[in-house]
Amino acid sequence: MSSNKNSRKKREKQKRSKEKSRDFAPNARRAKGQKQLQEPQEVRYRSEEERQHHQQEVKKLLEGMGAPPPSEFVPDSFQLEAIDLVTERDCDVLVSAPTGSGKTWIATEVIKRVLAEGKRAWYTSPLKALSNDKFREFGKLFGEDNVGILTGDRKINSSAPLIVATTEIYRNSLYDAMNELEVMNVRLVVFDEVHYLSDRDRGVVWEEAIIYSPASIRMLMLSATVGNAEELADWVSWARSSDCRLVSHPERPVPMRTGFVTKEGKLLPLTVNGKLHKEIHYIYTDGLRDAEFQRIEKMEKIYSGKAFKSRRR
């Protein structure tokens, strides 16, 4: 009896030990993973020649990056064309140009001329954060008394000559003006990120804002990613019975370069001479295939061992 009792106690103790180890296993794995993240692996090279070749690739990838030396600002011809179309030819304008090409400068210059004539302007954006940034920026440029903001969270100086707002707020203001049989006393509205017009959920806001804006208001629409710029300009002309001109500038003023960082922290250019870098190609083809082969071989060994044990039984 005593031997059976001892053996039962021993089994219960082993069971509790297993349960305890199983409970702490995820924490142990998590702690191990955190340690690996805190201590990245050192980049190793097979030879000195490979190290020098990699340094040359990285140098070429990063060459020219950084702040350019100060120089006099000279506007591009597309910027001057857009300003002239809005202010002198009384046209609606869609500006399609890459990020960093100076679309905001166009809006700033047009707003400056509108305010100089004693008229009002709206600057709309799809995001509250962007509206807050523009409110601070325009406040420094035109003076805090001349700039107001209207978003779902903020209402400051709503009677200012220049109002910065989300597009929804501008659309709602058009609703209010129509309900009260009034015409908005505004000369210009700027739609930043107008490609939101194609958004499935929010695009209707831009549609209504464009359609319901009085014909006396000139529109300046800005976008870096609109895919059908000509079609959009034609639609605006049809919807508003106005002359909407497209000003396109596809050239990127700041070249874009793409890099790739391996799990060891090694920086590589994504492409070399128009082709995927050979090390990156290996990671996503041969490297994955080798890892899959190793996994299969491991599983085969496990299952073959189980079959051998079952035969012995």
Foldseek 3Di string as FASTA:
>chain_A
DVVVVVVVVVVVVVVVVVVVCVVCVVVVVVVVVVVCVVPFAADDDPDPVRVVVLVVQVCVQCPPDDDDDDDDDDADPLLVVLLCCVPPVVAAEEEAEAPPNQLVVSVVVNQVVCVVVVAAEEEAEADPVVLVVVLVVVCVVVNNQQEFEDEPVDGGNVVHRYYYYYLQVLLVVLVVCVVVVHADRHAEYEYEQLLCCPPPPCVVSSVSSLLSHALNHHYYYYHHDNDCQVVVQVVSCVSHVGRYDYRYDYDDPDDDFDWDQDSSRRIGGQDDPRHGDPVVVCVPPVVVVVVVVVVVVVVVVVVVVVVVVVVVD
